[in-house]
């Protein structure tokens, strides 16, 4: 990698840190290509990304961003899982770490808040943005459904009364 490519990578990472909601720092000690590809696919499906970067370049990229305190976590063979949804990257990383011994969560950050391993696990246990939206839609729809049921109830009762009179007269 020449100097221009390194500068471009640092600029790209710096721009990424300005746009995302969470960064999870992971250590991948001996992941196979298939395992790494599987992890990247899971991250992509969740709306997150997973990138192995040189620690020195990542430390330069976080300088001047809200994630500057991550520099201390970047030692050894690390990778960065990022997402704009504060829960997506953490959830996929924690789930993958449960099934793979060679994948370890080092820590992370959500804005200028530094997270330890337990903080990342707690973040992963929260519902995702899509799940929260679905709950809100359900809460909004529930009163409307009840209003319709209340309005329709008297008409249904009248229909049953008329039906009872009609069957009584027929018998």
C-alpha atoms as a PDB file:
ATOM      1  CA  UNK A   1       0.000   0.000   0.000  1.00  0.00           C
ATOM      2  CA  UNK A   2       1.602   3.262  -1.071  1.00  0.00           C
ATOM      3  CA  UNK A   3       1.322   6.623   0.634  1.00  0.00           C
ATOM      4  CA  UNK A   4      -1.562   7.884  -1.540  1.00  0.00           C
ATOM      5  CA  UNK A   5      -3.637   4.764  -0.848  1.00  0.00           C
ATOM      6  CA  UNK A   6      -2.991   5.133   2.890  1.00  0.00           C
ATOM      7  CA  UNK A   7      -4.060   8.795   2.775  1.00  0.00           C
ATOM      8  CA  UNK A   8      -7.236   7.842   0.897  1.00  0.00           C
ATOM      9  CA  UNK A   9      -8.003   5.084   3.415  1.00  0.00           C
ATOM     10  CA  UNK A  10      -7.514   7.476   6.346  1.00  0.00           C
ATOM     11  CA  UNK A  11      -9.816  10.039   4.709  1.00  0.00           C
ATOM     12  CA  UNK A  12     -12.475   7.395   4.042  1.00  0.00           C
ATOM     13  CA  UNK A  13     -12.291   6.108   7.619  1.00  0.00           C
ATOM     14  CA  UNK A  14     -12.421   9.646   9.013  1.00  0.00           C
ATOM     15  CA  UNK A  15     -15.566  10.372   6.965  1.00  0.00           C
ATOM     16  CA  UNK A  16     -17.082   7.077   8.151  1.00  0.00           C
ATOM     17  CA  UNK A  17     -16.472   8.002  11.790  1.00  0.00           C
ATOM     18  CA  UNK A  18     -18.296  11.298  11.218  1.00  0.00           C
ATOM     19  CA  UNK A  19     -21.453   9.526   9.956  1.00  0.00           C
ATOM     20  CA  UNK A  20     -21.865   6.396  12.099  1.00  0.00           C
ATOM     21  CA  UNK A  21     -23.661   5.780  15.388  1.00  0.00           C
ATOM     22  CA  UNK A  22     -21.509   3.031  16.880  1.00  0.00           C
ATOM     23  CA  UNK A  23     -18.079   1.427  16.493  1.00  0.00           C
ATOM     24  CA  UNK A  24     -17.303  -2.026  17.874  1.00  0.00           C
ATOM     25  CA  UNK A  25     -13.621  -2.949  18.065  1.00  0.00           C
ATOM     26  CA  UNK A  26     -13.023  -6.673  17.652  1.00  0.00           C
ATOM     27  CA  UNK A  27     -10.017  -8.945  17.734  1.00  0.00           C
ATOM     28  CA  UNK A  28      -9.958 -11.732  15.190  1.00  0.00           C
ATOM     29  CA  UNK A  29      -7.300 -14.258  16.097  1.00  0.00           C
ATOM     30  CA  UNK A  30      -7.211 -16.755  13.246  1.00  0.00           C
ATOM     31  CA  UNK A  31     -10.580 -16.362  11.556  1.00  0.00           C
ATOM     32  CA  UNK A  32     -10.736 -18.300   8.311  1.00  0.00           C
ATOM     33  CA  UNK A  33     -11.682 -16.581   5.077  1.00  0.00           C
ATOM     34  CA  UNK A  34     -15.055 -18.350   5.119  1.00  0.00           C
ATOM     35  CA  UNK A  35     -15.773 -17.190   8.677  1.00  0.00           C
ATOM     36  CA  UNK A  36     -14.737 -13.632   7.855  1.00  0.00           C
ATOM     37  CA  UNK A  37     -16.903 -13.649   4.723  1.00  0.00           C
ATOM     38  CA  UNK A  38     -19.836 -14.980   6.760  1.00  0.00           C
ATOM     39  CA  UNK A  39     -19.366 -12.218   9.347  1.00  0.00           C
ATOM     40  CA  UNK A  40     -19.209  -9.532   6.650  1.00  0.00           C
ATOM     41  CA  UNK A  41     -22.412 -10.877   5.068  1.00  0.00           C
ATOM     42  CA  UNK A  42     -24.214 -10.839   8.429  1.00  0.00           C
ATOM     43  CA  UNK A  43     -23.024  -7.289   9.055  1.00  0.00           C
ATOM     44  CA  UNK A  44     -24.165  -6.191   5.599  1.00  0.00           C
ATOM     45  CA  UNK A  45     -27.594  -7.783   6.114  1.00  0.00           C
ATOM     46  CA  UNK A  46     -27.974  -5.855   9.383  1.00  0.00           C
ATOM     47  CA  UNK A  47     -26.960  -2.553   7.766  1.00  0.00           C
ATOM     48  CA  UNK A  48     -23.495  -2.530   9.303  1.00  0.00           C
ATOM     49  CA  UNK A  49     -19.974  -2.929   7.952  1.00  0.00           C
ATOM     50  CA  UNK A  50     -16.921  -4.841   9.108  1.00  0.00           C
ATOM     51  CA  UNK A  51     -13.479  -3.661   8.128  1.00  0.00           C
ATOM     52  CA  UNK A  52     -10.004  -4.894   9.008  1.00  0.00           C
ATOM     53  CA  UNK A  53      -7.672  -1.907   9.073  1.00  0.00           C
ATOM     54  CA  UNK A  54      -4.151  -1.158  10.118  1.00  0.00           C
ATOM     55  CA  UNK A  55      -4.212   0.123  13.685  1.00  0.00           C
ATOM     56  CA  UNK A  56      -1.865   2.999  12.908  1.00  0.00           C
ATOM     57  CA  UNK A  57      -4.104   4.249  10.088  1.00  0.00           C
ATOM     58  CA  UNK A  58      -7.261   3.802  12.178  1.00  0.00           C
ATOM     59  CA  UNK A  59      -5.692   5.805  15.022  1.00  0.00           C
ATOM     60  CA  UNK A  60      -4.929   8.617  12.586  1.00  0.00           C
ATOM     61  CA  UNK A  61      -8.493   8.449  11.194  1.00  0.00           C
ATOM     62  CA  UNK A  62     -10.201   8.732  14.607  1.00  0.00           C
ATOM     63  CA  UNK A  63      -8.218  11.847  15.471  1.00  0.00           C
ATOM     64  CA  UNK A  64     -10.567  14.811  15.578  1.00  0.00           C
ATOM     65  CA  UNK A  65     -13.752  12.721  15.722  1.00  0.00           C
ATOM     66  CA  UNK A  66     -16.079  11.727  18.548  1.00  0.00           C
ATOM     67  CA  UNK A  67     -14.436   8.283  18.499  1.00  0.00           C
ATOM     68  CA  UNK A  68     -10.943   9.536  19.349  1.00  0.00           C
ATOM     69  CA  UNK A  69     -10.830   7.547  22.606  1.00  0.00           C
ATOM     70  CA  UNK A  70     -10.897   4.292  20.576  1.00  0.00           C
ATOM     71  CA  UNK A  71      -7.188   4.727  19.865  1.00  0.00           C
ATOM     72  CA  UNK A  72      -6.326   2.904  23.100  1.00  0.00           C
ATOM     73  CA  UNK A  73      -8.273  -0.203  22.020  1.00  0.00           C
ATOM     74  CA  UNK A  74      -6.470  -0.531  18.690  1.00  0.00           C
ATOM     75  CA  UNK A  75      -3.702  -2.985  19.536  1.00  0.00           C
ATOM     76  CA  UNK A  76      -3.055  -6.353  17.958  1.00  0.00           C
ATOM     77  CA  UNK A  77      -5.079  -7.844  15.095  1.00  0.00           C
ATOM     78  CA  UNK A  78      -8.215  -5.687  15.305  1.00  0.00           C
ATOM     79  CA  UNK A  79     -11.137  -4.885  13.053  1.00  0.00           C
ATOM     80  CA  UNK A  80     -13.903  -2.304  13.231  1.00  0.00           C
ATOM     81  CA  UNK A  81     -17.619  -3.038  13.010  1.00  0.00           C
ATOM     82  CA  UNK A  82     -19.598   0.132  12.312  1.00  0.00           C
ATOM     83  CA  UNK A  83     -23.222   1.072  11.736  1.00  0.00           C
ATOM     84  CA  UNK A  84     -25.420   4.140  11.742  1.00  0.00           C
ATOM     85  CA  UNK A  85     -27.997   2.198  13.796  1.00  0.00           C
ATOM     86  CA  UNK A  86     -26.480   2.148  17.297  1.00  0.00           C
ATOM     87  CA  UNK A  87     -27.522  -1.464  17.873  1.00  0.00           C
ATOM     88  CA  UNK A  88     -26.906  -3.282  14.555  1.00  0.00           C
ATOM     89  CA  UNK A  89     -23.111  -3.693  14.614  1.00  0.00           C
ATOM     90  CA  UNK A  90     -23.055  -4.578  18.315  1.00  0.00           C
ATOM     91  CA  UNK A  91     -25.825  -7.164  17.924  1.00  0.00           C
ATOM     92  CA  UNK A  92     -24.144  -8.967  15.009  1.00  0.00           C
ATOM     93  CA  UNK A  93     -20.717  -8.872  16.680  1.00  0.00           C
ATOM     94  CA  UNK A  94     -22.028 -10.293  19.968  1.00  0.00           C
ATOM     95  CA  UNK A  95     -24.010 -13.015  18.189  1.00  0.00           C
ATOM     96  CA  UNK A  96     -20.984 -13.985  16.093  1.00  0.00           C
ATOM     97  CA  UNK A  97     -18.707 -14.026  19.158  1.00  0.00           C
ATOM     98  CA  UNK A  98     -21.062 -16.497  20.875  1.00  0.00           C
ATOM     99  CA  UNK A  99     -20.549 -19.045  18.108  1.00  0.00           C
ATOM    100  CA  UNK A 100     -16.872 -18.431  17.324  1.00  0.00           C
ATOM    101  CA  UNK A 101     -14.021 -18.713  19.837  1.00  0.00           C
ATOM    102  CA  UNK A 102     -11.509 -16.948  17.586  1.00  0.00           C
ATOM    103  CA  UNK A 103     -13.573 -13.754  17.494  1.00  0.00           C
ATOM    104  CA  UNK A 104     -13.340 -11.478  20.526  1.00  0.00           C
ATOM    105  CA  UNK A 105     -14.988  -8.141  21.308  1.00  0.00           C
ATOM    106  CA  UNK A 106     -12.482  -5.661  22.707  1.00  0.00           C
ATOM    107  CA  UNK A 107     -14.807  -2.716  23.285  1.00  0.00           C
ATOM    108  CA  UNK A 108     -16.422   0.068  21.360  1.00  0.00           C
ATOM    109  CA  UNK A 109     -17.860   3.533  21.387  1.00  0.00           C
ATOM    110  CA  UNK A 110     -21.162   5.198  20.780  1.00  0.00           C
ATOM    111  CA  UNK A 111     -20.332   8.777  19.926  1.00  0.00           C
ATOM    112  CA  UNK A 112     -17.999  10.083  22.593  1.00  0.00           C
ATOM    113  CA  UNK A 113     -19.079   7.374  25.078  1.00  0.00           C
ATOM    114  CA  UNK A 114     -16.483   4.620  25.409  1.00  0.00           C
ATOM    115  CA  UNK A 115     -17.939   1.132  25.890  1.00  0.00           C
ATOM    116  CA  UNK A 116     -16.246  -1.861  27.462  1.00  0.00           C
ATOM    117  CA  UNK A 117     -17.125  -5.448  26.499  1.00  0.00           C
ATOM    118  CA  UNK A 118     -20.113  -5.503  28.869  1.00  0.00           C
ATOM    119  CA  UNK A 119     -21.308  -2.169  27.473  1.00  0.00           C
ATOM    120  CA  UNK A 120     -21.247  -3.577  23.935  1.00  0.00           C
ATOM    121  CA  UNK A 121     -23.169  -6.664  25.113  1.00  0.00           C
ATOM    122  CA  UNK A 122     -25.742  -4.444  26.853  1.00  0.00           C
ATOM    123  CA  UNK A 123     -26.093  -2.370  23.683  1.00  0.00           C
ATOM    124  CA  UNK A 124     -26.605  -5.565  21.659  1.00  0.00           C
ATOM    125  CA  UNK A 125     -29.462  -6.626  23.935  1.00  0.00           C
ATOM    126  CA  UNK A 126     -31.481  -3.500  23.058  1.00  0.00           C
ATOM    127  CA  UNK A 127     -34.068  -3.692  20.263  1.00  0.00           C
ATOM    128  CA  UNK A 128     -32.883  -2.449  16.875  1.00  0.00           C
ATOM    129  CA  UNK A 129     -34.186   0.680  15.198  1.00  0.00           C
ATOM    130  CA  UNK A 130     -36.477  -1.368  12.934  1.00  0.00           C
ATOM    131  CA  UNK A 131     -37.912  -3.270  15.920  1.00  0.00           C
ATOM    132  CA  UNK A 132     -38.605  -0.002  17.732  1.00  0.00           C
ATOM    133  CA  UNK A 133     -40.334   1.410  14.655  1.00  0.00           C
ATOM    134  CA  UNK A 134     -42.514  -1.701  14.414  1.00  0.00           C
ATOM    135  CA  UNK A 135     -43.506  -1.343  18.081  1.00  0.00           C
ATOM    136  CA  UNK A 136     -44.407   2.318  17.582  1.00  0.00           C
ATOM    137  CA  UNK A 137     -46.530   1.495  14.539  1.00  0.00           C
ATOM    138  CA  UNK A 138     -48.260  -1.232  16.553  1.00  0.00           C
ATOM    139  CA  UNK A 139     -48.960   1.195  19.393  1.00  0.00           C
ATOM    140  CA  UNK A 140     -50.340   3.782  16.985  1.00  0.00           C
ATOM    141  CA  UNK A 141     -52.537   1.236  15.190  1.00  0.00           C
ATOM    142  CA  UNK A 142     -53.967  -0.324  18.363  1.00  0.00           C
ATOM    143  CA  UNK A 143     -56.153   2.673  19.370  1.00  0.00           C
ATOM    144  CA  UNK A 144     -57.471   3.032  15.820  1.00  0.00           C
ATOM    145  CA  UNK A 145     -58.448  -0.642  15.768  1.00  0.00           C
ATOM    146  CA  UNK A 146     -60.235  -0.284  19.099  1.00  0.00           C
ATOM    147  CA  UNK A 147     -62.126   2.793  17.853  1.00  0.00           C
ATOM    148  CA  UNK A 148     -63.361   0.852  14.816  1.00  0.00           C
ATOM    149  CA  UNK A 149     -64.423  -2.059  17.028  1.00  0.00           C
ATOM    150  CA  UNK A 150     -66.376   0.266  19.344  1.00  0.00           C
ATOM    151  CA  UNK A 151     -68.107   1.946  16.401  1.00  0.00           C
ATOM    152  CA  UNK A 152     -69.022  -1.372  14.801  1.00  0.00           C
ATOM    153  CA  UNK A 153     -70.297  -2.974  18.037  1.00  0.00           C
ATOM    154  CA  UNK A 154     -73.749  -1.259  18.117  1.00  0.00           C
ATOM    155  CA  UNK A 155     -74.402  -2.129  14.478  1.00  0.00           C
ATOM    156  CA  UNK A 156     -73.501  -5.755  15.169  1.00  0.00           C
ATOM    157  CA  UNK A 157     -75.824  -5.828  18.174  1.00  0.00           C
ATOM    158  CA  UNK A 158     -78.676  -4.391  16.101  1.00  0.00           C
ATOM    159  CA  UNK A 159     -78.110  -6.998  13.417  1.00  0.00           C
ATOM    160  CA  UNK A 160     -78.264  -9.778  16.017  1.00  0.00           C
ATOM    161  CA  UNK A 161     -81.514  -8.359  17.477  1.00  0.00           C
ATOM    162  CA  UNK A 162     -83.127  -8.121  14.017  1.00  0.00           C
ATOM    163  CA  UNK A 163     -81.956 -11.660  13.264  1.00  0.00           C
ATOM    164  CA  UNK A 164     -83.479 -12.905  16.532  1.00  0.00           C
ATOM    165  CA  UNK A 165     -86.841 -11.262  15.711  1.00  0.00           C
ATOM    166  CA  UNK A 166     -86.777 -12.664  12.176  1.00  0.00           C
ATOM    167  CA  UNK A 167     -86.050 -16.217  13.356  1.00  0.00           C
ATOM    168  CA  UNK A 168     -88.701 -15.887  16.120  1.00  0.00           C
ATOM    169  CA  UNK A 169     -91.395 -14.841  13.632  1.00  0.00           C
ATOM    170  CA  UNK A 170     -90.397 -17.599  11.199  1.00  0.00           C
ATOM    171  CA  UNK A 171     -90.699 -20.272  13.863  1.00  0.00           C
END
